[in-house]
């Protein structure tokens, strides 16, 4: 198995330009604009796409609605249903499972370089390793240390569908639990411990949409306070014990998209579990 020498050698030997990087999506870029926090994100192949399972508790609905085929990756899919971005994610995932030492050495070198660039700009720096995966990064060590110990001064954050991941969290690791439509009892346990739960709502919004055409998010879901999770991607600043509302992101396959929207994974804004406050004539009314 090949050994890591430096980033240049890693690129040449694997045919990949990078493992992860900062500013890889419009939402991630909001972290820099709103908080001046540059966020390094690693996107791997979700679920079993690579032949390895990176999302142990994935449901059919979340697999079909995965962000892996939204944004730039979805727009790039050609007539043969291929995408160089998705193919690269598969290669990265195979590298993680088949040559983990090489993968981690490259990851560490890349993070160091990205961190130095951010600090030179006067920005803070954060890391999200599960951009499209749900790997337990606490379980892996390089030279006797976890990635959280190697970068103990850096804030990490991720989403997860696995409840026990909240046990013995590293001090610099923030997790948000993900609602699947089937795991509400686990959501309540997480919320009652002061952690947050991400819920996907079927509320469409584009950057050029007129304010009067944008449907509001609920103020409460199942009695818990709702906050807008699309203002930025940076979750560590979120109010504790909240529902983090994420608007459903359109995916490449329109038939699958319709099925996902109609599933329990995506909450309808008309759901009886949604509570709204609307302002009319300067008076606040509760629906």
C-alpha atoms as a PDB file:
ATOM      1  CA  UNK A   1       0.000   0.000   0.000  1.00  0.00           C
ATOM      2  CA  UNK A   2       1.291   3.450  -0.869  1.00  0.00           C
ATOM      3  CA  UNK A   3       2.561   5.729   1.879  1.00  0.00           C
ATOM      4  CA  UNK A   4       1.721   9.411   2.195  1.00  0.00           C
ATOM      5  CA  UNK A   5       4.644  11.761   1.505  1.00  0.00           C
ATOM      6  CA  UNK A   6       3.022  15.147   0.917  1.00  0.00           C
ATOM      7  CA  UNK A   7      -0.106  16.650  -0.634  1.00  0.00           C
ATOM      8  CA  UNK A   8       1.423  16.941  -4.077  1.00  0.00           C
ATOM      9  CA  UNK A   9       2.386  13.266  -4.083  1.00  0.00           C
ATOM     10  CA  UNK A  10      -1.066  12.316  -2.782  1.00  0.00           C
ATOM     11  CA  UNK A  11      -2.771  14.146  -5.639  1.00  0.00           C
ATOM     12  CA  UNK A  12      -0.580  12.530  -8.269  1.00  0.00           C
ATOM     13  CA  UNK A  13      -0.835   9.005  -6.870  1.00  0.00           C
ATOM     14  CA  UNK A  14      -4.624   9.069  -6.418  1.00  0.00           C
ATOM     15  CA  UNK A  15      -5.674  11.293  -9.313  1.00  0.00           C
ATOM     16  CA  UNK A  16      -7.701  13.436  -6.901  1.00  0.00           C
ATOM     17  CA  UNK A  17      -7.221  17.161  -6.363  1.00  0.00           C
ATOM     18  CA  UNK A  18      -8.181  17.146  -2.680  1.00  0.00           C
ATOM     19  CA  UNK A  19     -10.051  15.304   0.069  1.00  0.00           C
ATOM     20  CA  UNK A  20     -11.994  18.276   1.382  1.00  0.00           C
ATOM     21  CA  UNK A  21     -11.899  22.046   1.277  1.00  0.00           C
ATOM     22  CA  UNK A  22     -13.443  25.276   2.542  1.00  0.00           C
ATOM     23  CA  UNK A  23     -16.314  27.070   0.808  1.00  0.00           C
ATOM     24  CA  UNK A  24     -17.474  23.968  -1.038  1.00  0.00           C
ATOM     25  CA  UNK A  25     -21.148  25.031  -1.136  1.00  0.00           C
ATOM     26  CA  UNK A  26     -23.167  28.234  -0.937  1.00  0.00           C
ATOM     27  CA  UNK A  27     -24.450  27.319   2.521  1.00  0.00           C
ATOM     28  CA  UNK A  28     -20.966  26.566   3.842  1.00  0.00           C
ATOM     29  CA  UNK A  29     -19.787  29.907   2.441  1.00  0.00           C
ATOM     30  CA  UNK A  30     -22.410  31.614   4.627  1.00  0.00           C
ATOM     31  CA  UNK A  31     -20.336  30.600   7.666  1.00  0.00           C
ATOM     32  CA  UNK A  32     -17.572  32.877   6.410  1.00  0.00           C
ATOM     33  CA  UNK A  33     -19.909  35.713   5.479  1.00  0.00           C
ATOM     34  CA  UNK A  34     -21.989  35.678   8.671  1.00  0.00           C
ATOM     35  CA  UNK A  35     -19.460  34.618  11.314  1.00  0.00           C
ATOM     36  CA  UNK A  36     -16.072  34.879   9.534  1.00  0.00           C
ATOM     37  CA  UNK A  37     -15.614  31.167  10.166  1.00  0.00           C
ATOM     38  CA  UNK A  38     -14.111  29.231   7.265  1.00  0.00           C
ATOM     39  CA  UNK A  39     -15.331  25.637   7.351  1.00  0.00           C
ATOM     40  CA  UNK A  40     -13.403  22.699   5.947  1.00  0.00           C
ATOM     41  CA  UNK A  41     -15.870  20.054   4.757  1.00  0.00           C
ATOM     42  CA  UNK A  42     -15.242  16.458   3.748  1.00  0.00           C
ATOM     43  CA  UNK A  43     -17.773  14.901   1.366  1.00  0.00           C
ATOM     44  CA  UNK A  44     -17.661  11.109   1.131  1.00  0.00           C
ATOM     45  CA  UNK A  45     -19.962   8.732  -0.742  1.00  0.00           C
ATOM     46  CA  UNK A  46     -23.114   8.204   1.352  1.00  0.00           C
ATOM     47  CA  UNK A  47     -24.591   4.920   2.568  1.00  0.00           C
ATOM     48  CA  UNK A  48     -23.271   1.969   0.502  1.00  0.00           C
ATOM     49  CA  UNK A  49     -22.570   3.815  -2.750  1.00  0.00           C
ATOM     50  CA  UNK A  50     -18.838   3.067  -2.483  1.00  0.00           C
ATOM     51  CA  UNK A  51     -19.279  -0.540  -1.388  1.00  0.00           C
ATOM     52  CA  UNK A  52     -18.741   0.536   2.237  1.00  0.00           C
ATOM     53  CA  UNK A  53     -21.523   1.708   4.552  1.00  0.00           C
ATOM     54  CA  UNK A  54     -20.828   5.245   5.760  1.00  0.00           C
ATOM     55  CA  UNK A  55     -24.379   5.824   7.079  1.00  0.00           C
ATOM     56  CA  UNK A  56     -25.297   2.923   9.412  1.00  0.00           C
ATOM     57  CA  UNK A  57     -28.836   4.115  10.272  1.00  0.00           C
ATOM     58  CA  UNK A  58     -29.818   5.561   6.906  1.00  0.00           C
ATOM     59  CA  UNK A  59     -33.474   5.146   5.945  1.00  0.00           C
ATOM     60  CA  UNK A  60     -34.795   4.684   2.417  1.00  0.00           C
ATOM     61  CA  UNK A  61     -36.196   8.215   2.474  1.00  0.00           C
ATOM     62  CA  UNK A  62     -32.968   9.899   3.539  1.00  0.00           C
ATOM     63  CA  UNK A  63     -30.975   7.794   1.040  1.00  0.00           C
ATOM     64  CA  UNK A  64     -33.252   8.949  -1.780  1.00  0.00           C
ATOM     65  CA  UNK A  65     -33.217  12.548  -0.592  1.00  0.00           C
ATOM     66  CA  UNK A  66     -29.506  12.688   0.195  1.00  0.00           C
ATOM     67  CA  UNK A  67     -27.680  15.948  -0.516  1.00  0.00           C
ATOM     68  CA  UNK A  68     -25.145  13.886  -2.455  1.00  0.00           C
ATOM     69  CA  UNK A  69     -27.130  14.684  -5.619  1.00  0.00           C
ATOM     70  CA  UNK A  70     -28.090  18.251  -4.753  1.00  0.00           C
ATOM     71  CA  UNK A  71     -26.190  21.443  -5.505  1.00  0.00           C
ATOM     72  CA  UNK A  72     -23.142  21.246  -7.753  1.00  0.00           C
ATOM     73  CA  UNK A  73     -22.987  17.444  -7.693  1.00  0.00           C
ATOM     74  CA  UNK A  74     -26.573  17.174  -8.945  1.00  0.00           C
ATOM     75  CA  UNK A  75     -26.152  19.820 -11.635  1.00  0.00           C
ATOM     76  CA  UNK A  76     -23.100  18.001 -12.988  1.00  0.00           C
ATOM     77  CA  UNK A  77     -24.826  14.634 -13.572  1.00  0.00           C
ATOM     78  CA  UNK A  78     -24.720  13.850 -17.296  1.00  0.00           C
ATOM     79  CA  UNK A  79     -27.030  11.867 -19.600  1.00  0.00           C
ATOM     80  CA  UNK A  80     -25.344   8.640 -18.509  1.00  0.00           C
ATOM     81  CA  UNK A  81     -26.211   9.445 -14.874  1.00  0.00           C
ATOM     82  CA  UNK A  82     -22.541  10.034 -14.080  1.00  0.00           C
ATOM     83  CA  UNK A  83     -20.834  12.816 -12.130  1.00  0.00           C
ATOM     84  CA  UNK A  84     -17.109  13.389 -11.624  1.00  0.00           C
ATOM     85  CA  UNK A  85     -17.882  14.901  -8.207  1.00  0.00           C
ATOM     86  CA  UNK A  86     -19.758  11.786  -7.062  1.00  0.00           C
ATOM     87  CA  UNK A  87     -17.097   9.507  -8.568  1.00  0.00           C
ATOM     88  CA  UNK A  88     -14.431  11.416  -6.618  1.00  0.00           C
ATOM     89  CA  UNK A  89     -16.419  10.943  -3.404  1.00  0.00           C
ATOM     90  CA  UNK A  90     -16.474   7.198  -4.044  1.00  0.00           C
ATOM     91  CA  UNK A  91     -12.683   7.185  -4.538  1.00  0.00           C
ATOM     92  CA  UNK A  92     -12.155   9.133  -1.305  1.00  0.00           C
ATOM     93  CA  UNK A  93     -14.373   6.726   0.614  1.00  0.00           C
ATOM     94  CA  UNK A  94     -12.539   3.689  -0.711  1.00  0.00           C
ATOM     95  CA  UNK A  95      -9.243   5.344   0.237  1.00  0.00           C
ATOM     96  CA  UNK A  96     -10.541   5.858   3.800  1.00  0.00           C
ATOM     97  CA  UNK A  97     -11.444   2.176   4.189  1.00  0.00           C
ATOM     98  CA  UNK A  98      -8.620   0.626   2.186  1.00  0.00           C
ATOM     99  CA  UNK A  99      -5.625   2.818   3.091  1.00  0.00           C
ATOM    100  CA  UNK A 100      -6.632   4.642   6.245  1.00  0.00           C
ATOM    101  CA  UNK A 101      -3.136   5.736   7.261  1.00  0.00           C
ATOM    102  CA  UNK A 102      -2.591   7.417   3.896  1.00  0.00           C
ATOM    103  CA  UNK A 103      -6.048   8.985   4.084  1.00  0.00           C
ATOM    104  CA  UNK A 104      -5.511  10.434   7.570  1.00  0.00           C
ATOM    105  CA  UNK A 105      -2.014  11.728   6.824  1.00  0.00           C
ATOM    106  CA  UNK A 106      -3.380  13.537   3.785  1.00  0.00           C
ATOM    107  CA  UNK A 107      -6.412  14.794   5.731  1.00  0.00           C
ATOM    108  CA  UNK A 108      -4.210  16.232   8.488  1.00  0.00           C
ATOM    109  CA  UNK A 109      -1.873  17.951   6.022  1.00  0.00           C
ATOM    110  CA  UNK A 110      -4.825  19.403   4.127  1.00  0.00           C
ATOM    111  CA  UNK A 111      -6.529  20.692   7.278  1.00  0.00           C
ATOM    112  CA  UNK A 112      -3.301  22.338   8.421  1.00  0.00           C
ATOM    113  CA  UNK A 113      -2.965  24.146   5.079  1.00  0.00           C
ATOM    114  CA  UNK A 114      -6.599  25.274   5.018  1.00  0.00           C
ATOM    115  CA  UNK A 115      -6.438  26.407   8.643  1.00  0.00           C
ATOM    116  CA  UNK A 116      -3.361  28.544   7.972  1.00  0.00           C
ATOM    117  CA  UNK A 117      -5.064  30.194   4.994  1.00  0.00           C
ATOM    118  CA  UNK A 118      -8.095  31.043   7.124  1.00  0.00           C
ATOM    119  CA  UNK A 119      -6.065  32.429  10.002  1.00  0.00           C
ATOM    120  CA  UNK A 120      -4.059  34.555   7.550  1.00  0.00           C
ATOM    121  CA  UNK A 121      -7.348  36.174   6.485  1.00  0.00           C
ATOM    122  CA  UNK A 122      -8.240  36.881  10.101  1.00  0.00           C
ATOM    123  CA  UNK A 123     -10.997  34.254  10.075  1.00  0.00           C
ATOM    124  CA  UNK A 124     -11.727  31.482  12.530  1.00  0.00           C
ATOM    125  CA  UNK A 125     -11.667  27.891  11.307  1.00  0.00           C
ATOM    126  CA  UNK A 126     -14.005  24.925  11.769  1.00  0.00           C
ATOM    127  CA  UNK A 127     -14.228  21.360  10.451  1.00  0.00           C
ATOM    128  CA  UNK A 128     -17.174  19.245   9.304  1.00  0.00           C
ATOM    129  CA  UNK A 129     -16.081  15.710   8.384  1.00  0.00           C
ATOM    130  CA  UNK A 130     -19.510  14.179   7.696  1.00  0.00           C
ATOM    131  CA  UNK A 131     -20.696  16.350   4.831  1.00  0.00           C
ATOM    132  CA  UNK A 132     -22.536  13.404   3.245  1.00  0.00           C
ATOM    133  CA  UNK A 133     -21.713  10.570   5.638  1.00  0.00           C
ATOM    134  CA  UNK A 134     -22.292   9.518   9.256  1.00  0.00           C
ATOM    135  CA  UNK A 135     -18.951   8.046  10.303  1.00  0.00           C
ATOM    136  CA  UNK A 136     -17.963   7.730  13.954  1.00  0.00           C
ATOM    137  CA  UNK A 137     -14.679   9.667  13.790  1.00  0.00           C
ATOM    138  CA  UNK A 138     -14.071   9.071  17.507  1.00  0.00           C
ATOM    139  CA  UNK A 139     -13.409   5.416  16.686  1.00  0.00           C
ATOM    140  CA  UNK A 140     -10.316   6.059  14.539  1.00  0.00           C
ATOM    141  CA  UNK A 141      -6.834   7.052  15.605  1.00  0.00           C
ATOM    142  CA  UNK A 142      -3.662   8.037  13.797  1.00  0.00           C
ATOM    143  CA  UNK A 143      -0.420   7.762  15.755  1.00  0.00           C
ATOM    144  CA  UNK A 144      -2.476   7.078  18.876  1.00  0.00           C
ATOM    145  CA  UNK A 145      -4.696  10.173  18.621  1.00  0.00           C
ATOM    146  CA  UNK A 146      -8.162  10.911  17.257  1.00  0.00           C
ATOM    147  CA  UNK A 147      -8.606  13.758  14.802  1.00  0.00           C
ATOM    148  CA  UNK A 148     -10.273  15.736  17.628  1.00  0.00           C
ATOM    149  CA  UNK A 149      -7.150  15.362  19.757  1.00  0.00           C
ATOM    150  CA  UNK A 150      -4.821  16.268  16.900  1.00  0.00           C
ATOM    151  CA  UNK A 151      -6.767  19.493  16.302  1.00  0.00           C
ATOM    152  CA  UNK A 152      -7.888  20.106  19.868  1.00  0.00           C
ATOM    153  CA  UNK A 153      -8.038  23.878  19.336  1.00  0.00           C
ATOM    154  CA  UNK A 154     -10.434  23.585  16.372  1.00  0.00           C
ATOM    155  CA  UNK A 155     -14.241  23.338  16.533  1.00  0.00           C
ATOM    156  CA  UNK A 156     -15.702  20.294  14.761  1.00  0.00           C
ATOM    157  CA  UNK A 157     -19.393  19.799  14.051  1.00  0.00           C
ATOM    158  CA  UNK A 158     -21.614  17.281  12.257  1.00  0.00           C
ATOM    159  CA  UNK A 159     -25.108  15.803  11.958  1.00  0.00           C
ATOM    160  CA  UNK A 160     -25.871  12.226  12.994  1.00  0.00           C
ATOM    161  CA  UNK A 161     -28.773   9.771  13.116  1.00  0.00           C
ATOM    162  CA  UNK A 162     -27.078   7.644  15.775  1.00  0.00           C
ATOM    163  CA  UNK A 163     -28.251   8.524  19.334  1.00  0.00           C
ATOM    164  CA  UNK A 164     -25.303   7.046  21.237  1.00  0.00           C
ATOM    165  CA  UNK A 165     -22.867   9.328  19.413  1.00  0.00           C
ATOM    166  CA  UNK A 166     -23.782  11.965  22.005  1.00  0.00           C
ATOM    167  CA  UNK A 167     -22.174   9.886  24.752  1.00  0.00           C
ATOM    168  CA  UNK A 168     -18.699  11.098  25.734  1.00  0.00           C
ATOM    169  CA  UNK A 169     -18.486  13.736  23.032  1.00  0.00           C
ATOM    170  CA  UNK A 170     -15.070  15.385  22.639  1.00  0.00           C
ATOM    171  CA  UNK A 171     -15.165  18.955  23.971  1.00  0.00           C
ATOM    172  CA  UNK A 172     -14.500  20.353  20.504  1.00  0.00           C
ATOM    173  CA  UNK A 173     -17.149  18.262  18.715  1.00  0.00           C
ATOM    174  CA  UNK A 174     -20.720  19.554  18.293  1.00  0.00           C
ATOM    175  CA  UNK A 175     -23.408  17.178  17.036  1.00  0.00           C
ATOM    176  CA  UNK A 176     -26.939  17.801  15.813  1.00  0.00           C
ATOM    177  CA  UNK A 177     -29.314  14.829  15.730  1.00  0.00           C
ATOM    178  CA  UNK A 178     -31.273  14.167  12.516  1.00  0.00           C
ATOM    179  CA  UNK A 179     -34.991  13.388  12.429  1.00  0.00           C
ATOM    180  CA  UNK A 180     -35.875  10.569  10.003  1.00  0.00           C
ATOM    181  CA  UNK A 181     -39.639  10.482  10.484  1.00  0.00           C
ATOM    182  CA  UNK A 182     -39.310   7.278  12.507  1.00  0.00           C
ATOM    183  CA  UNK A 183     -37.042   8.251  15.410  1.00  0.00           C
ATOM    184  CA  UNK A 184     -39.024  10.896  17.293  1.00  0.00           C
ATOM    185  CA  UNK A 185     -38.603   9.133  20.664  1.00  0.00           C
ATOM    186  CA  UNK A 186     -34.819   9.384  20.233  1.00  0.00           C
ATOM    187  CA  UNK A 187     -35.250  13.023  19.187  1.00  0.00           C
ATOM    188  CA  UNK A 188     -37.050  13.805  22.440  1.00  0.00           C
ATOM    189  CA  UNK A 189     -34.266  12.207  24.486  1.00  0.00           C
ATOM    190  CA  UNK A 190     -31.668  14.259  22.623  1.00  0.00           C
ATOM    191  CA  UNK A 191     -33.666  17.499  22.933  1.00  0.00           C
ATOM    192  CA  UNK A 192     -34.262  16.986  26.642  1.00  0.00           C
ATOM    193  CA  UNK A 193     -30.509  16.671  27.161  1.00  0.00           C
ATOM    194  CA  UNK A 194     -30.032  20.102  25.600  1.00  0.00           C
ATOM    195  CA  UNK A 195     -28.910  18.973  22.155  1.00  0.00           C
ATOM    196  CA  UNK A 196     -30.617  19.931  18.908  1.00  0.00           C
ATOM    197  CA  UNK A 197     -32.543  18.032  16.254  1.00  0.00           C
ATOM    198  CA  UNK A 198     -32.512  18.835  12.532  1.00  0.00           C
ATOM    199  CA  UNK A 199     -35.877  18.478  10.782  1.00  0.00           C
ATOM    200  CA  UNK A 200     -36.405  18.850   7.035  1.00  0.00           C
ATOM    201  CA  UNK A 201     -39.440  20.909   5.979  1.00  0.00           C
ATOM    202  CA  UNK A 202     -41.044  21.108   2.553  1.00  0.00           C
ATOM    203  CA  UNK A 203     -40.622  24.860   2.319  1.00  0.00           C
ATOM    204  CA  UNK A 204     -39.021  26.098  -0.872  1.00  0.00           C
ATOM    205  CA  UNK A 205     -36.799  29.157  -1.000  1.00  0.00           C
ATOM    206  CA  UNK A 206     -34.423  30.594  -3.580  1.00  0.00           C
ATOM    207  CA  UNK A 207     -32.001  33.477  -3.280  1.00  0.00           C
ATOM    208  CA  UNK A 208     -33.907  35.607  -5.801  1.00  0.00           C
ATOM    209  CA  UNK A 209     -37.374  34.853  -4.430  1.00  0.00           C
ATOM    210  CA  UNK A 210     -39.398  37.872  -3.351  1.00  0.00           C
ATOM    211  CA  UNK A 211     -39.936  38.031   0.446  1.00  0.00           C
ATOM    212  CA  UNK A 212     -43.713  37.962   0.069  1.00  0.00           C
ATOM    213  CA  UNK A 213     -43.479  34.640  -1.787  1.00  0.00           C
ATOM    214  CA  UNK A 214     -41.379  32.863   0.829  1.00  0.00           C
ATOM    215  CA  UNK A 215     -43.406  30.611   3.109  1.00  0.00           C
ATOM    216  CA  UNK A 216     -42.454  31.003   6.780  1.00  0.00           C
ATOM    217  CA  UNK A 217     -40.928  28.274   8.876  1.00  0.00           C
ATOM    218  CA  UNK A 218     -42.998  27.145  11.866  1.00  0.00           C
ATOM    219  CA  UNK A 219     -42.083  28.753  15.173  1.00  0.00           C
ATOM    220  CA  UNK A 220     -42.568  25.423  16.952  1.00  0.00           C
ATOM    221  CA  UNK A 221     -42.592  21.774  15.944  1.00  0.00           C
ATOM    222  CA  UNK A 222     -44.179  19.243  18.307  1.00  0.00           C
ATOM    223  CA  UNK A 223     -43.907  21.914  21.006  1.00  0.00           C
ATOM    224  CA  UNK A 224     -40.182  22.599  20.590  1.00  0.00           C
ATOM    225  CA  UNK A 225     -38.782  25.933  19.443  1.00  0.00           C
ATOM    226  CA  UNK A 226     -37.784  26.058  15.769  1.00  0.00           C
ATOM    227  CA  UNK A 227     -34.743  27.960  14.515  1.00  0.00           C
ATOM    228  CA  UNK A 228     -33.722  28.579  10.894  1.00  0.00           C
ATOM    229  CA  UNK A 229     -30.883  26.202  10.047  1.00  0.00           C
ATOM    230  CA  UNK A 230     -30.359  27.617   6.564  1.00  0.00           C
ATOM    231  CA  UNK A 231     -29.024  31.020   7.626  1.00  0.00           C
ATOM    232  CA  UNK A 232     -25.632  29.333   7.938  1.00  0.00           C
ATOM    233  CA  UNK A 233     -24.362  25.765   8.180  1.00  0.00           C
ATOM    234  CA  UNK A 234     -22.503  26.444  11.437  1.00  0.00           C
ATOM    235  CA  UNK A 235     -24.443  24.581  14.141  1.00  0.00           C
ATOM    236  CA  UNK A 236     -22.389  25.154  17.349  1.00  0.00           C
ATOM    237  CA  UNK A 237     -23.950  28.615  17.819  1.00  0.00           C
ATOM    238  CA  UNK A 238     -27.538  27.276  17.741  1.00  0.00           C
ATOM    239  CA  UNK A 239     -29.777  27.719  20.787  1.00  0.00           C
ATOM    240  CA  UNK A 240     -29.794  24.511  22.820  1.00  0.00           C
ATOM    241  CA  UNK A 241     -32.808  22.219  22.854  1.00  0.00           C
ATOM    242  CA  UNK A 242     -34.099  23.499  19.508  1.00  0.00           C
ATOM    243  CA  UNK A 243     -35.470  22.086  16.287  1.00  0.00           C
ATOM    244  CA  UNK A 244     -33.104  23.130  13.509  1.00  0.00           C
ATOM    245  CA  UNK A 245     -35.325  23.675  10.471  1.00  0.00           C
ATOM    246  CA  UNK A 246     -33.762  22.770   7.126  1.00  0.00           C
ATOM    247  CA  UNK A 247     -35.624  23.483   3.903  1.00  0.00           C
ATOM    248  CA  UNK A 248     -35.737  20.492   1.538  1.00  0.00           C
ATOM    249  CA  UNK A 249     -33.021  20.836  -1.099  1.00  0.00           C
ATOM    250  CA  UNK A 250     -33.982  19.818  -4.626  1.00  0.00           C
ATOM    251  CA  UNK A 251     -32.258  16.686  -5.974  1.00  0.00           C
ATOM    252  CA  UNK A 252     -31.424  15.559  -9.512  1.00  0.00           C
ATOM    253  CA  UNK A 253     -34.066  12.833  -9.973  1.00  0.00           C
ATOM    254  CA  UNK A 254     -37.452  14.593 -10.001  1.00  0.00           C
ATOM    255  CA  UNK A 255     -39.487  11.399  -9.592  1.00  0.00           C
ATOM    256  CA  UNK A 256     -37.491  10.430  -6.519  1.00  0.00           C
ATOM    257  CA  UNK A 257     -37.729  14.000  -5.270  1.00  0.00           C
ATOM    258  CA  UNK A 258     -41.537  13.854  -5.302  1.00  0.00           C
ATOM    259  CA  UNK A 259     -41.484  10.555  -3.422  1.00  0.00           C
ATOM    260  CA  UNK A 260     -39.153  11.949  -0.756  1.00  0.00           C
ATOM    261  CA  UNK A 261     -41.243  15.098  -0.296  1.00  0.00           C
ATOM    262  CA  UNK A 262     -44.320  12.920   0.260  1.00  0.00           C
ATOM    263  CA  UNK A 263     -42.487  10.697   2.777  1.00  0.00           C
ATOM    264  CA  UNK A 264     -42.326  11.015   6.569  1.00  0.00           C
ATOM    265  CA  UNK A 265     -38.727  12.252   6.261  1.00  0.00           C
ATOM    266  CA  UNK A 266     -39.899  15.662   4.998  1.00  0.00           C
ATOM    267  CA  UNK A 267     -42.403  17.528   7.173  1.00  0.00           C
ATOM    268  CA  UNK A 268     -45.241  19.347   5.462  1.00  0.00           C
ATOM    269  CA  UNK A 269     -45.675  22.977   6.591  1.00  0.00           C
ATOM    270  CA  UNK A 270     -49.375  22.115   6.939  1.00  0.00           C
ATOM    271  CA  UNK A 271     -48.663  19.413   9.530  1.00  0.00           C
ATOM    272  CA  UNK A 272     -50.706  19.615  12.726  1.00  0.00           C
ATOM    273  CA  UNK A 273     -47.395  19.456  14.609  1.00  0.00           C
ATOM    274  CA  UNK A 274     -46.331  22.853  13.219  1.00  0.00           C
ATOM    275  CA  UNK A 275     -47.164  26.030  15.130  1.00  0.00           C
ATOM    276  CA  UNK A 276     -46.928  29.445  13.490  1.00  0.00           C
ATOM    277  CA  UNK A 277     -46.959  33.058  14.529  1.00  0.00           C
ATOM    278  CA  UNK A 278     -47.872  35.475  11.786  1.00  0.00           C
ATOM    279  CA  UNK A 279     -47.834  39.233  11.921  1.00  0.00           C
ATOM    280  CA  UNK A 280     -50.836  41.090  10.548  1.00  0.00           C
ATOM    281  CA  UNK A 281     -51.465  44.759  11.082  1.00  0.00           C
ATOM    282  CA  UNK A 282     -48.695  44.761  13.707  1.00  0.00           C
ATOM    283  CA  UNK A 283     -50.608  42.248  15.828  1.00  0.00           C
ATOM    284  CA  UNK A 284     -49.165  38.826  16.460  1.00  0.00           C
ATOM    285  CA  UNK A 285     -51.643  36.025  15.947  1.00  0.00           C
ATOM    286  CA  UNK A 286     -51.050  32.364  16.717  1.00  0.00           C
ATOM    287  CA  UNK A 287     -52.446  29.751  14.400  1.00  0.00           C
END
